Amino acid sequence: MDKLKLIEQQYIKKEMPQINVGDTVKVLTKIPEGDKVRLHPFEGVVIAKKGSGINSVFTVRKVSYGEGIERVFPFYSPVIERIEVIKRGKVKRAKLYYLRKKIGKRATKIETSE
C-alpha cells in the first residue's frame, strides 16, 4: 500500500485551494483550439465531493438558460488550470442533490459563512 501512495505523491503536488460542498467556484479548464490553448470557465456551486487521494473528484452545478448543468472534475486533472473560490457556503449536508429540484434563484441560494 505504501508503494501506491509514493507513486500518487508525484501527481498530488499540484496546489489546490481548499473547497467544500456549498462553495461557489470558478473552474478554468484548458481547451485546445488548433495550435493554441484557451481557458474556459465553468462557474457554479459544488454539490458533491468524493474519493480520496488521486481519485478524488468534485461535482459543480450551474444553471444556464434555465437548464441545470453538472460537471464532474477530478481534483488533480492536468486539464484544470486553476480553481477560484468565489463565495464560501455554509451547508448542513455532504451532498446537495436537492438543488436539482430547485428552480431559479433558489437553485443557487446558499448561506455564506462570513
C-alpha atoms as a PDB file:
ATOM      1  CA  MET A   1       0.000   0.000   0.000  1.00  0.00           C
ATOM      2  CA  ASP A   2       2.843   2.398   0.740  1.00  0.00           C
ATOM      3  CA  LYS A   3       4.214   1.987  -2.783  1.00  0.00           C
ATOM      4  CA  LEU A   4       0.907   3.211  -4.226  1.00  0.00           C
ATOM      5  CA  LYS A   5       0.957   6.294  -2.018  1.00  0.00           C
ATOM      6  CA  LEU A   6       4.542   7.052  -3.062  1.00  0.00           C
ATOM      7  CA  ILE A   7       3.539   6.964  -6.721  1.00  0.00           C
ATOM      8  CA  GLU A   8       0.489   9.147  -6.042  1.00  0.00           C
ATOM      9  CA  GLN A   9       2.595  11.811  -4.309  1.00  0.00           C
ATOM     10  CA  GLN A  10       4.197  12.974  -7.548  1.00  0.00           C
ATOM     11  CA  TYR A  11       0.758  13.689  -9.050  1.00  0.00           C
ATOM     12  CA  ILE A  12      -0.719  15.292  -5.940  1.00  0.00           C
ATOM     13  CA  LYS A  13       1.936  18.033  -5.787  1.00  0.00           C
ATOM     14  CA  LYS A  14      -0.363  20.398  -7.721  1.00  0.00           C
ATOM     15  CA  GLU A  15      -1.579  23.215  -5.445  1.00  0.00           C
ATOM     16  CA  MET A  16      -5.355  23.220  -4.996  1.00  0.00           C
ATOM     17  CA  PRO A  17      -7.437  25.601  -2.870  1.00  0.00           C
ATOM     18  CA  GLN A  18      -9.484  24.152  -0.042  1.00  0.00           C
ATOM     19  CA  ILE A  19     -13.008  23.827  -1.431  1.00  0.00           C
ATOM     20  CA  ASN A  20     -16.029  22.449   0.363  1.00  0.00           C
ATOM     21  CA  VAL A  21     -19.558  21.494  -0.559  1.00  0.00           C
ATOM     22  CA  GLY A  22     -21.690  24.624  -0.894  1.00  0.00           C
ATOM     23  CA  ASP A  23     -18.896  26.847  -2.198  1.00  0.00           C
ATOM     24  CA  THR A  24     -19.354  28.786  -5.415  1.00  0.00           C
ATOM     25  CA  VAL A  25     -16.285  28.171  -7.563  1.00  0.00           C
ATOM     26  CA  LYS A  26     -14.947  29.046 -10.988  1.00  0.00           C
ATOM     27  CA  VAL A  27     -13.019  26.195 -12.612  1.00  0.00           C
ATOM     28  CA  LEU A  28     -10.798  27.248 -15.519  1.00  0.00           C
ATOM     29  CA  THR A  29     -10.182  24.337 -17.871  1.00  0.00           C
ATOM     30  CA  LYS A  30      -7.788  24.156 -20.797  1.00  0.00           C
ATOM     31  CA  ILE A  31      -9.386  23.641 -24.210  1.00  0.00           C
ATOM     32  CA  PRO A  32      -7.091  23.103 -27.206  1.00  0.00           C
ATOM     33  CA  GLU A  33      -8.116  25.028 -30.315  1.00  0.00           C
ATOM     34  CA  GLY A  34      -5.784  24.321 -33.198  1.00  0.00           C
ATOM     35  CA  ASP A  35      -2.283  25.148 -32.026  1.00  0.00           C
ATOM     36  CA  LYS A  36      -3.431  27.351 -29.105  1.00  0.00           C
ATOM     37  CA  VAL A  37      -4.875  26.525 -25.715  1.00  0.00           C
ATOM     38  CA  ARG A  38      -7.831  28.535 -24.436  1.00  0.00           C
ATOM     39  CA  LEU A  39      -9.119  28.757 -20.854  1.00  0.00           C
ATOM     40  CA  HIS A  40     -12.836  28.083 -20.479  1.00  0.00           C
ATOM     41  CA  PRO A  41     -14.524  28.990 -17.171  1.00  0.00           C
ATOM     42  CA  PHE A  42     -17.225  26.857 -15.547  1.00  0.00           C
ATOM     43  CA  GLU A  43     -18.810  28.661 -12.596  1.00  0.00           C
ATOM     44  CA  GLY A  44     -21.232  27.020 -10.213  1.00  0.00           C
ATOM     45  CA  VAL A  45     -21.936  25.507  -6.807  1.00  0.00           C
ATOM     46  CA  VAL A  46     -20.002  22.485  -5.537  1.00  0.00           C
ATOM     47  CA  ILE A  47     -22.726  19.924  -4.778  1.00  0.00           C
ATOM     48  CA  ALA A  48     -20.577  16.862  -4.012  1.00  0.00           C
ATOM     49  CA  LYS A  49     -17.068  15.693  -3.223  1.00  0.00           C
ATOM     50  CA  LYS A  50     -15.980  12.093  -3.233  1.00  0.00           C
ATOM     51  CA  GLY A  51     -12.914   9.889  -3.224  1.00  0.00           C
ATOM     52  CA  SER A  52      -9.527  10.348  -1.606  1.00  0.00           C
ATOM     53  CA  GLY A  53      -6.012  10.990  -2.770  1.00  0.00           C
ATOM     54  CA  ILE A  54      -5.537  10.985  -6.517  1.00  0.00           C
ATOM     55  CA  ASN A  55      -9.026   9.529  -7.063  1.00  0.00           C
ATOM     56  CA  SER A  56     -10.865  12.490  -5.529  1.00  0.00           C
ATOM     57  CA  VAL A  57     -13.469  14.285  -7.646  1.00  0.00           C
ATOM     58  CA  PHE A  58     -15.927  17.123  -7.119  1.00  0.00           C
ATOM     59  CA  THR A  59     -19.193  17.944  -8.878  1.00  0.00           C
ATOM     60  CA  VAL A  60     -20.084  21.509  -9.879  1.00  0.00           C
ATOM     61  CA  ARG A  61     -23.633  22.520 -10.832  1.00  0.00           C
ATOM     62  CA  LYS A  62     -24.735  25.655 -12.640  1.00  0.00           C
ATOM     63  CA  VAL A  63     -27.981  26.812 -14.193  1.00  0.00           C
ATOM     64  CA  SER A  64     -27.609  28.101 -17.732  1.00  0.00           C
ATOM     65  CA  TYR A  65     -30.634  29.430 -19.650  1.00  0.00           C
ATOM     66  CA  GLY A  66     -32.968  27.656 -17.229  1.00  0.00           C
ATOM     67  CA  GLU A  67     -31.281  24.277 -17.680  1.00  0.00           C
ATOM     68  CA  GLY A  68     -29.197  22.705 -14.918  1.00  0.00           C
ATOM     69  CA  ILE A  69     -25.720  21.551 -15.942  1.00  0.00           C
ATOM     70  CA  GLU A  70     -23.489  19.380 -13.769  1.00  0.00           C
ATOM     71  CA  ARG A  71     -19.868  18.588 -14.458  1.00  0.00           C
ATOM     72  CA  VAL A  72     -17.562  16.248 -12.558  1.00  0.00           C
ATOM     73  CA  PHE A  73     -13.929  17.343 -12.252  1.00  0.00           C
ATOM     74  CA  PRO A  74     -11.030  15.229 -10.957  1.00  0.00           C
ATOM     75  CA  PHE A  75      -9.087  17.329  -8.411  1.00  0.00           C
ATOM     76  CA  TYR A  76      -5.660  16.620  -9.886  1.00  0.00           C
ATOM     77  CA  SER A  77      -6.562  16.645 -13.573  1.00  0.00           C
ATOM     78  CA  PRO A  78      -3.974  18.232 -15.875  1.00  0.00           C
ATOM     79  CA  VAL A  79      -6.879  19.831 -17.792  1.00  0.00           C
ATOM     80  CA  ILE A  80      -7.694  22.129 -14.839  1.00  0.00           C
ATOM     81  CA  GLU A  81      -5.617  25.303 -14.941  1.00  0.00           C
ATOM     82  CA  ARG A  82      -6.866  26.691 -11.624  1.00  0.00           C
ATOM     83  CA  ILE A  83      -9.844  26.815  -9.282  1.00  0.00           C
ATOM     84  CA  GLU A  84     -11.058  30.134  -7.885  1.00  0.00           C
ATOM     85  CA  VAL A  85     -13.339  30.178  -4.833  1.00  0.00           C
ATOM     86  CA  ILE A  86     -15.818  32.992  -5.404  1.00  0.00           C
ATOM     87  CA  LYS A  87     -18.012  32.534  -2.349  1.00  0.00           C
ATOM     88  CA  ARG A  88     -17.845  30.229   0.662  1.00  0.00           C
ATOM     89  CA  GLY A  89     -21.076  28.456   1.528  1.00  0.00           C
ATOM     90  CA  LYS A  90     -22.430  27.171   4.815  1.00  0.00           C
ATOM     91  CA  VAL A  91     -24.459  23.985   4.419  1.00  0.00           C
ATOM     92  CA  LYS A  92     -25.510  21.133   6.693  1.00  0.00           C
ATOM     93  CA  ARG A  93     -25.331  18.372   4.092  1.00  0.00           C
ATOM     94  CA  ALA A  94     -22.477  16.450   2.478  1.00  0.00           C
ATOM     95  CA  LYS A  95     -24.305  16.169  -0.861  1.00  0.00           C
ATOM     96  CA  LEU A  96     -26.549  18.924  -2.224  1.00  0.00           C
ATOM     97  CA  TYR A  97     -28.537  16.821  -4.655  1.00  0.00           C
ATOM     98  CA  TYR A  98     -31.740  18.545  -3.517  1.00  0.00           C
ATOM     99  CA  LEU A  99     -30.663  21.575  -5.598  1.00  0.00           C
ATOM    100  CA  ARG A 100     -31.567  19.579  -8.727  1.00  0.00           C
ATOM    101  CA  LYS A 101     -35.268  20.061  -7.938  1.00  0.00           C
ATOM    102  CA  LYS A 102     -34.966  23.789  -7.238  1.00  0.00           C
ATOM    103  CA  ILE A 103     -35.703  26.367  -9.927  1.00  0.00           C
ATOM    104  CA  GLY A 104     -34.347  29.870 -10.472  1.00  0.00           C
ATOM    105  CA  LYS A 105     -32.676  31.775  -7.662  1.00  0.00           C
ATOM    106  CA  ARG A 106     -33.482  29.060  -5.117  1.00  0.00           C
ATOM    107  CA  ALA A 107     -31.166  26.697  -7.012  1.00  0.00           C
ATOM    108  CA  THR A 108     -28.102  28.812  -6.232  1.00  0.00           C
ATOM    109  CA  LYS A 109     -29.034  30.461  -2.938  1.00  0.00           C
ATOM    110  CA  ILE A 110     -26.773  29.148  -0.183  1.00  0.00           C
ATOM    111  CA  GLU A 111     -25.919  30.995   3.031  1.00  0.00           C
ATOM    112  CA  THR A 112     -22.447  32.448   3.276  1.00  0.00           C
ATOM    113  CA  SER A 113     -20.246  31.686   6.280  1.00  0.00           C
ATOM    114  CA  GLU A 114     -18.675  35.129   6.756  1.00  0.00           C
END
